[in-house]
Protein backbone atom coordinates (compact mmCIF):
# COMPACT_ATOMS: atom_id res chain seq x y z
CA MET A 1 0.01 0.09 0.09
CA ASN A 2 1.16 3.66 -0.90
CA ASN A 3 2.44 5.47 2.17
CA GLU A 4 1.24 8.83 0.92
CA GLN A 5 -1.44 10.12 3.18
CA LEU A 6 -5.02 9.85 2.10
CA THR A 7 -6.03 13.41 2.85
CA PRO A 8 -9.59 15.01 2.16
CA VAL A 9 -10.05 16.96 -1.10
CA MET A 10 -8.87 20.40 -0.61
CA GLY A 11 -7.93 23.46 -2.49
CA ALA A 12 -7.47 23.14 -6.21
CA GLU A 13 -8.55 19.65 -5.94
CA ARG A 14 -12.16 20.80 -5.19
CA ILE A 15 -14.58 21.60 -7.92
CA HIS A 16 -16.12 24.84 -6.94
CA SER A 17 -19.48 24.51 -8.64
CA ILE A 18 -20.18 21.15 -6.83
CA ASP A 19 -19.75 23.10 -3.44
CA VAL A 20 -22.07 25.77 -4.66
CA ILE A 21 -24.57 23.05 -5.69
CA ARG A 22 -24.09 21.37 -2.38
CA GLY A 23 -24.91 24.52 -0.49
CA LEU A 24 -27.94 25.12 -2.76
CA ALA A 25 -29.14 21.65 -2.01
CA ILE A 26 -28.77 22.23 1.77
CA LEU A 27 -30.84 25.37 1.52
CA GLY A 28 -33.51 23.68 -0.68
CA ILE A 29 -33.84 20.70 1.69
CA PHE A 30 -34.08 23.28 4.63
CA PHE A 31 -37.21 25.00 3.00
CA VAL A 32 -38.83 21.52 2.64
CA ASN A 33 -37.93 20.45 6.17
CA MET A 34 -38.90 23.55 8.11
CA PRO A 35 -42.63 22.86 8.26
CA SER A 36 -41.89 19.31 9.64
CA PHE A 37 -39.88 21.11 12.52
CA PHE A 38 -43.00 23.07 13.70
CA ALA A 39 -45.95 21.07 12.62
CA PRO A 40 -47.12 17.35 12.01
CA VAL A 41 -47.04 17.71 8.15
CA LEU A 42 -46.20 13.89 8.21
CA TYR A 43 -50.07 13.29 9.04
CA LEU A 44 -51.64 16.29 7.45
CA ASN A 45 -52.64 18.21 4.28
CA PRO A 46 -50.77 21.64 4.55
CA GLU A 47 -53.07 23.13 2.06
CA THR A 48 -55.98 22.73 4.61
CA TRP A 49 -54.19 22.85 7.96
CA TRP A 50 -53.43 26.48 7.64
CA ASN A 51 -55.81 29.34 6.62
CA GLY A 52 -55.10 32.37 4.51
CA GLU A 53 -53.72 33.07 0.97
CA LEU A 54 -50.19 33.93 2.15
CA HIS A 55 -49.74 30.54 3.78
CA LEU A 56 -51.25 28.70 0.71
CA TRP A 57 -48.79 30.43 -1.79
CA THR A 58 -45.84 29.73 0.65
CA ASN A 59 -46.67 26.01 0.59
CA ARG A 60 -47.24 25.95 -3.19
CA ILE A 61 -43.88 27.85 -3.84
CA ILE A 62 -42.03 25.28 -1.77
CA ASP A 63 -44.05 22.45 -3.50
CA ILE A 64 -43.08 23.88 -6.89
CA PHE A 65 -39.43 24.98 -6.46
CA ALA A 66 -38.26 22.61 -3.58
CA GLN A 67 -40.32 19.64 -2.84
CA ALA A 68 -38.57 16.36 -4.21
CA SER A 69 -36.07 18.46 -6.11
CA PHE A 70 -33.32 18.92 -3.40
CA TYR A 71 -33.07 15.54 -1.58
CA THR A 72 -32.72 14.15 -5.12
CA LEU A 73 -30.14 16.85 -5.92
CA PHE A 74 -28.10 15.81 -2.87
CA SER A 75 -28.42 12.11 -3.96
CA PHE A 76 -27.03 13.16 -7.12
CA LEU A 77 -24.10 14.82 -5.43
CA PHE A 78 -23.77 11.77 -3.21
CA GLY A 79 -23.27 9.56 -6.24
CA PHE A 80 -20.96 12.02 -7.88
CA GLY A 81 -18.84 12.30 -4.67
CA LEU A 82 -18.49 8.67 -4.30
CA ILE A 83 -16.78 8.18 -7.68
CA LEU A 84 -14.39 11.04 -6.97
CA PHE A 85 -13.53 9.55 -3.46
CA LYS A 86 -12.90 6.02 -5.29
CA GLU A 87 -10.62 7.77 -7.83
CA ARG A 88 -8.49 9.54 -5.26
CA ALA A 89 -8.19 6.39 -3.17
CA LEU A 90 -7.08 4.33 -6.01
CA ALA A 91 -4.81 6.81 -7.27
CA LYS A 92 -3.04 6.79 -3.95
CA GLY A 93 -2.71 3.02 -3.70
CA TYR A 94 -5.33 2.65 -1.02
CA SER A 95 -7.97 -0.32 -1.04
CA PHE A 96 -11.33 1.34 -1.80
CA TYR A 97 -13.66 -1.37 0.01
CA PRO A 98 -12.34 -0.76 3.54
CA LEU A 99 -12.61 2.86 2.98
CA ILE A 100 -16.03 2.96 1.63
CA THR A 101 -17.35 0.51 4.05
CA ARG A 102 -16.28 2.74 7.08
CA ARG A 103 -17.40 5.87 5.19
CA LEU A 104 -21.00 4.32 4.85
CA LEU A 105 -21.15 2.82 8.34
CA VAL A 106 -20.25 6.04 10.01
CA LEU A 107 -22.87 7.78 7.78
CA LEU A 108 -25.37 5.27 8.96
CA LEU A 109 -24.41 5.96 12.50
CA PHE A 110 -24.83 9.59 12.15
CA GLY A 111 -28.23 8.91 10.65
CA CYS A 112 -29.48 6.80 13.55
CA LEU A 113 -28.36 9.31 16.09
CA HIS A 114 -29.96 12.17 14.10
CA ALA A 115 -33.24 10.28 13.38
CA PHE A 116 -33.77 8.71 16.99
CA LEU A 117 -32.36 11.71 19.13
CA VAL A 118 -32.99 14.81 17.12
CA TRP A 119 -35.49 14.74 14.18
CA HIS A 120 -37.48 11.98 12.55
CA GLY A 121 -37.10 13.15 9.11
CA ASP A 122 -33.40 12.11 8.59
CA ILE A 123 -32.21 11.35 5.26
CA LEU A 124 -28.67 10.02 5.98
CA ILE A 125 -29.69 6.54 7.12
CA THR A 126 -31.53 6.06 3.64
CA TYR A 127 -28.26 7.45 1.94
CA ALA A 128 -26.14 5.00 3.61
CA ILE A 129 -28.20 2.09 2.76
CA VAL A 130 -28.71 3.33 -0.93
CA GLY A 131 -25.01 4.06 -1.02
CA ALA A 132 -24.13 0.52 -0.33
CA ILE A 133 -26.42 -0.72 -3.18
CA LEU A 134 -24.48 1.75 -5.32
CA LEU A 135 -21.29 -0.24 -4.76
CA LEU A 136 -22.98 -2.86 -7.12
CA PHE A 137 -22.47 -0.24 -9.91
CA HIS A 138 -19.31 1.54 -9.15
CA LYS A 139 -17.30 -0.45 -11.71
CA SER A 140 -19.76 0.09 -14.49
CA LYS A 141 -19.15 1.91 -17.58
CA PRO A 142 -20.75 5.52 -17.68
CA ILE A 143 -23.28 4.21 -20.26
CA THR A 144 -24.40 1.40 -18.18
CA LEU A 145 -24.89 3.87 -15.04
CA LEU A 146 -26.99 6.34 -17.41
CA ILE A 147 -29.26 3.43 -18.69
CA TRP A 148 -29.93 2.22 -15.36
CA ALA A 149 -30.69 5.64 -13.99
CA LEU A 150 -33.16 6.41 -16.80
CA ILE A 151 -34.87 2.95 -16.42
CA LEU A 152 -35.19 3.36 -12.65
CA ILE A 153 -36.59 6.87 -12.87
CA PHE A 154 -39.10 6.27 -15.66
CA VAL A 155 -40.20 2.74 -15.77
CA PRO A 156 -41.46 2.00 -12.42
CA ASN A 157 -42.64 5.60 -11.75
CA LEU A 158 -44.64 5.98 -15.00
CA PHE A 159 -46.23 2.51 -14.20
CA LEU A 160 -47.09 3.27 -10.64
CA GLY A 161 -48.28 6.96 -11.81
CA GLY A 162 -50.61 5.10 -14.33
CA LEU A 163 -51.96 3.00 -11.67
CA MET A 164 -52.60 5.77 -9.43
CA PHE A 165 -54.58 7.62 -12.18
CA LEU A 166 -56.92 4.40 -12.45
CA ALA A 167 -57.26 4.63 -8.48
CA VAL A 168 -58.19 8.37 -8.76
CA MET A 169 -60.81 7.55 -11.37
CA PHE A 170 -62.65 5.12 -9.13
CA GLU A 171 -61.76 6.87 -5.82
CA PRO A 172 -61.25 10.74 -6.36
CA GLU A 173 -60.61 11.27 -2.76
CA ILE A 174 -57.88 8.94 -2.40
CA ASN A 175 -55.58 11.65 -1.42
CA ALA A 176 -57.59 11.97 2.03
CA LEU A 177 -56.55 8.53 2.98
CA LEU A 178 -52.82 9.77 3.21
CA TYR A 179 -53.74 12.04 6.05
CA ASN A 180 -54.76 11.26 9.62
CA GLU A 181 -55.96 14.23 11.80
CA GLN A 182 -55.96 12.18 15.00
CA LEU A 183 -52.34 11.25 14.66
CA ALA A 184 -51.38 14.84 13.66
CA LEU A 185 -53.01 16.21 16.88
CA LYS A 186 -51.50 13.60 19.05
CA SER A 187 -48.10 14.14 17.54
CA ALA A 188 -48.39 18.02 17.80
CA GLU A 189 -49.41 17.84 21.63
CA ILE A 190 -46.27 15.60 22.37
CA TYR A 191 -43.86 17.68 20.43
CA ALA A 192 -45.33 20.83 21.86
CA ASN A 193 -45.37 19.97 25.63
CA GLY A 194 -43.66 16.64 25.88
CA GLY A 195 -40.32 15.89 27.75
CA PHE A 196 -37.39 14.56 25.74
CA LEU A 197 -38.32 10.80 26.51
CA GLU A 198 -41.97 11.32 25.30
CA ILE A 199 -40.61 13.25 22.35
CA THR A 200 -38.01 10.56 21.44
CA ASN A 201 -40.85 7.91 21.67
CA GLN A 202 -42.94 10.03 19.16
CA ARG A 203 -39.84 10.76 17.01
CA PHE A 204 -39.35 6.99 16.49
CA GLN A 205 -42.85 6.41 15.78
CA ASP A 206 -42.87 9.18 13.11
CA TRP A 207 -39.65 7.84 11.62
CA TYR A 208 -40.93 4.35 11.36
CA TYR A 209 -44.28 5.77 9.82
CA ALA A 210 -42.24 7.32 6.95
CA ASN A 211 -39.46 4.52 6.65
CA ASN A 212 -41.12 1.17 7.17
CA LEU A 213 -40.38 -1.85 5.11
CA GLY A 214 -43.19 -0.97 2.69
CA SER A 215 -41.35 2.22 1.64
CA ILE A 216 -37.98 0.50 0.87
CA PHE A 217 -38.88 0.09 -2.90
CA ALA A 218 -39.92 3.60 -3.08
CA LEU A 219 -36.85 4.82 -1.58
CA VAL A 220 -34.78 2.94 -3.94
CA ILE A 221 -36.44 3.83 -7.11
CA THR A 222 -36.28 7.44 -5.89
CA LEU A 223 -32.81 7.72 -4.71
CA LEU A 224 -30.87 5.01 -6.53
CA PRO A 225 -31.22 6.59 -10.00
CA MET A 226 -30.07 9.88 -8.84
CA PHE A 227 -27.06 8.23 -7.21
CA LEU A 228 -26.37 6.64 -10.67
CA LEU A 229 -26.88 9.76 -12.46
CA GLY A 230 -24.23 11.56 -10.17
CA ALA A 231 -21.77 8.74 -10.61
CA TYR A 232 -22.29 8.90 -14.51
CA ILE A 233 -21.67 12.66 -14.55
CA ALA A 234 -18.53 12.17 -12.19
CA LYS A 235 -17.04 9.54 -14.55
CA LYS A 236 -17.86 11.79 -17.55
CA LYS A 237 -16.22 14.83 -15.76
CA TRP A 238 -18.65 16.99 -17.24
CA PHE A 239 -18.88 19.35 -14.23
CA GLU A 240 -15.15 20.13 -14.06
CA GLY A 241 -15.59 23.39 -16.09
CA ARG A 242 -13.70 22.18 -19.30
CA ASP A 243 -14.73 24.23 -22.28
CA GLU A 244 -15.34 20.97 -24.25
CA ASP A 245 -17.95 19.87 -21.93
CA ILE A 246 -19.95 22.83 -21.84
CA LYS A 247 -22.13 21.92 -24.91
CA LYS A 248 -22.98 18.68 -23.23
CA VAL A 249 -24.03 20.38 -19.99
CA LYS A 250 -26.15 22.92 -21.97
CA THR A 251 -27.77 19.91 -23.78
CA LEU A 252 -28.43 18.26 -20.32
CA TRP A 253 -29.78 21.62 -19.00
CA LEU A 254 -32.30 21.76 -21.84
CA ILE A 255 -33.50 18.10 -21.58
CA SER A 256 -33.94 18.58 -17.66
CA LEU A 257 -35.91 21.82 -18.28
CA VAL A 258 -38.10 20.08 -20.78
CA ILE A 259 -38.85 17.33 -18.71
CA GLY A 260 -38.52 18.64 -15.07
CA VAL A 261 -40.51 22.01 -15.05
CA PRO A 262 -43.57 20.63 -16.88
CA MET A 263 -43.93 17.71 -14.29
CA LYS A 264 -43.29 19.76 -11.32
CA LEU A 265 -46.33 22.05 -12.58
CA LEU A 266 -48.44 19.02 -13.56
CA PRO A 267 -50.81 19.25 -10.49
CA TYR A 268 -51.37 23.03 -11.15
CA TYR A 269 -52.40 22.92 -14.86
CA THR A 270 -54.22 19.51 -14.74
CA SER A 271 -55.80 18.45 -11.46
CA LYS A 272 -54.16 17.89 -8.17
CA ASN A 273 -54.67 14.48 -6.98
CA ALA A 274 -52.61 11.35 -5.92
CA ALA A 275 -51.38 10.59 -9.40
CA THR A 276 -50.33 13.94 -10.61
CA ASP A 277 -48.59 14.72 -6.90
CA TYR A 278 -46.74 11.25 -7.32
CA LEU A 279 -45.41 12.23 -10.92
CA GLN A 280 -44.66 15.62 -10.02
CA ASP A 281 -42.23 14.26 -7.16
CA THR A 282 -40.92 11.17 -8.84
CA ILE A 283 -40.38 12.52 -12.47
CA GLY A 284 -40.16 16.35 -11.62
CA GLY A 285 -38.25 16.08 -8.67
CA PRO A 286 -35.17 14.43 -10.33
CA GLY A 287 -35.69 16.54 -13.49
CA THR A 288 -35.50 19.93 -11.54
CA ALA A 289 -32.70 18.63 -9.50
CA VAL A 290 -30.49 18.20 -12.71
CA PHE A 291 -31.88 21.43 -14.03
CA TYR A 292 -30.61 23.21 -10.84
CA ALA A 293 -27.04 21.35 -10.96
CA THR A 294 -26.56 22.35 -14.54
CA THR A 295 -27.74 25.85 -14.01
CA VAL A 296 -25.30 26.24 -11.61
CA VAL A 297 -22.39 24.84 -13.34
CA LEU A 298 -23.25 27.16 -16.54
CA LEU A 299 -23.82 30.42 -14.27
CA MET A 300 -20.43 29.61 -12.48
CA ARG A 301 -18.74 30.44 -15.83
CA LEU A 302 -19.98 34.10 -15.59
CA PRO A 303 -18.04 36.34 -13.08
CA VAL A 304 -21.10 38.17 -11.75
CA TRP A 305 -22.94 34.97 -11.01
CA LYS A 306 -19.88 33.41 -9.59
CA ARG A 307 -19.60 36.18 -7.03
CA LEU A 308 -23.23 35.87 -6.33
CA LEU A 309 -23.45 32.15 -5.86
CA SER A 310 -19.99 31.65 -4.19
CA PRO A 311 -21.40 32.07 -0.60
CA LEU A 312 -23.22 28.93 -1.09
CA ALA A 313 -19.90 27.11 -1.36
CA PHE A 314 -19.17 27.85 2.38
CA VAL A 315 -22.22 26.04 3.41
CA GLY A 316 -21.62 23.24 0.80
CA ARG A 317 -18.08 22.63 2.07
CA LEU A 318 -19.65 22.00 5.61
CA SER A 319 -22.92 20.32 4.11
CA LEU A 320 -23.15 17.67 6.74
CA SER A 321 -22.45 19.79 9.69
CA ASN A 322 -24.85 22.25 8.27
CA TYR A 323 -27.71 19.66 7.66
CA LEU A 324 -27.53 18.50 11.28
CA PHE A 325 -26.91 22.11 12.56
CA GLN A 326 -30.42 22.91 11.00
CA SER A 327 -32.11 20.11 12.88
CA ILE A 328 -30.49 20.93 16.20
CA VAL A 329 -31.37 24.48 16.17
CA CYS A 330 -35.06 23.98 14.88
CA THR A 331 -35.91 21.27 17.16
CA PHE A 332 -34.55 23.41 20.16
CA LEU A 333 -36.72 26.29 18.93
CA PHE A 334 -39.98 24.38 18.41
CA TYR A 335 -39.87 21.24 20.61
CA GLY A 336 -41.18 20.98 24.43
CA TYR A 337 -37.66 20.50 25.66
CA GLY A 338 -36.47 23.70 24.17
CA ILE A 339 -38.20 26.96 23.75
CA GLY A 340 -41.45 25.21 22.78
CA LEU A 341 -42.61 27.10 19.62
CA TYR A 342 -44.21 23.86 18.13
CA GLY A 343 -47.62 24.51 16.42
CA LYS A 344 -47.17 28.35 17.17
CA VAL A 345 -45.43 29.00 13.60
CA GLU A 346 -47.06 29.26 10.34
CA PRO A 347 -45.50 28.50 6.82
CA PHE A 348 -44.67 32.03 5.74
CA THR A 349 -42.95 32.73 9.21
CA GLY A 350 -41.23 29.34 8.80
CA PHE A 351 -40.01 30.58 5.23
CA LEU A 352 -38.64 33.72 6.61
CA LEU A 353 -36.97 31.92 9.54
CA THR A 354 -35.39 29.47 7.03
CA ILE A 355 -33.99 32.22 5.14
CA GLY A 356 -32.51 34.06 8.47
CA ILE A 357 -31.00 30.61 9.88
CA PHE A 358 -29.39 30.05 6.44
CA ILE A 359 -27.68 33.27 6.35
CA ILE A 360 -26.34 32.85 9.74
CA GLN A 361 -24.97 29.43 8.42
CA ILE A 362 -23.17 31.04 5.61
CA ILE A 363 -21.54 33.59 8.06
CA ILE A 364 -20.60 30.83 10.50
CA SER A 365 -19.31 28.56 7.80
CA TYR A 366 -17.26 31.32 6.33
CA PHE A 367 -15.52 32.24 9.44
CA TRP A 368 -14.96 28.35 10.41
CA LEU A 369 -13.38 27.71 7.14
CA LYS A 370 -10.90 30.60 7.93
CA LYS A 371 -9.30 28.49 10.69
CA PHE A 372 -10.47 24.74 9.71
CA ARG A 373 -10.14 22.82 6.67
CA PHE A 374 -13.76 21.19 7.11
CA GLY A 375 -16.47 21.00 9.64
CA PRO A 376 -16.80 19.27 12.79
CA ILE A 377 -19.02 16.34 11.63
CA GLU A 378 -16.88 15.99 8.33
CA TRP A 379 -13.89 15.77 10.59
CA VAL A 380 -15.32 12.92 12.69
CA TRP A 381 -16.53 11.14 9.56
CA ARG A 382 -13.13 11.24 7.75
CA THR A 383 -11.15 10.27 10.92
CA PHE A 384 -13.19 6.99 11.12
CA THR A 385 -13.25 6.63 7.47
CA TYR A 386 -9.37 6.75 7.09
CA ALA A 387 -8.80 5.01 10.41
CA GLN A 388 -6.20 7.80 11.24
CA LYS A 389 -6.22 11.08 12.92
CA VAL A 390 -6.99 13.83 10.22
CA ASP A 391 -5.78 17.24 10.95
CA ILE A 392 -8.70 19.62 11.06
CA ARG A 393 -6.90 22.97 11.41
CA LYS A 394 -5.48 25.03 8.35
CA LYS A 395 -1.57 25.25 8.52
CA ALA A 396 -0.33 28.71 8.97
CA ILE A 397 1.38 30.03 5.83
CA ARG A 398 4.84 31.42 6.62
């Protein structure tokens, strides 16, 4: 084995646009997650739970621009990052499998701690599991990754969407079966007034409600194709800013625009029901995720937009720490063992709060990166992945 130390990707090795995309994904995920921090949206219909046009339009803006677009974008980045991680490990003479096994196991541990001790809406457990499935494909040729990604996005989702259209024809109010006001009220009471143990018990119930065995298939066909698509782009190296790749990125941008935007708007220009909502998320979500990613890559070539978008990179470089930071801060603000604002905040207020907290994250991340090479959670992750102490501090330039 090569004795050269395997250090995290730093400086010129980093792809700046990927850090910006990662920061954008953290912001988009935060917009979607915020209502779940202060209300039992797992069990209720947001369009009927809150009154008023302002809150209705807030929910619709999040639905169109963010829902299902950013956790899929982060899935894309996960697949992209895994290929870069593998290439660096092999280039320096390290064995890939021990490294990636530890990396995924530590991510799974983070996810369990997050889901059961902080917030039920964790995505890290799912990423760790689907990341393990991705290992079946990491040696595949780029075209194989692309074919499987497209098959998994379109074939099962169009089939299930068609079945849902049939179900809606016979039972137009099928959407109502997805909501349970009794569970919503019970959950709201516990989060607003319960102690840590009560809330932890409710948190586990909520996590299992959304992540039971029956949802595994849905999670795989939602996340795995985006992992594969990210791996495909990483192997093709289209996002590294080379002039010869820009035409390909523009083509991908146009395809994702034509597919993603109409599907995201589908419930609003046809009829909003279980079938159109499903296709909006499963086809429109991945489509707009790629649209956002390619838009950033193209805009980062323009000096004005590069300056405007670059602050997102500070958050993106500390993405795992910032993702967990959002959960810790918001559960403290809203839960009964914290300030106890659960149920007292409405969507538009939550929207503004999301922007405010994210601006604070940009500032904290900026000053943190002045002294440190990566975030505190990233440091723990890397230390266990490499099974050796990783220096977190930046070395002074003399």
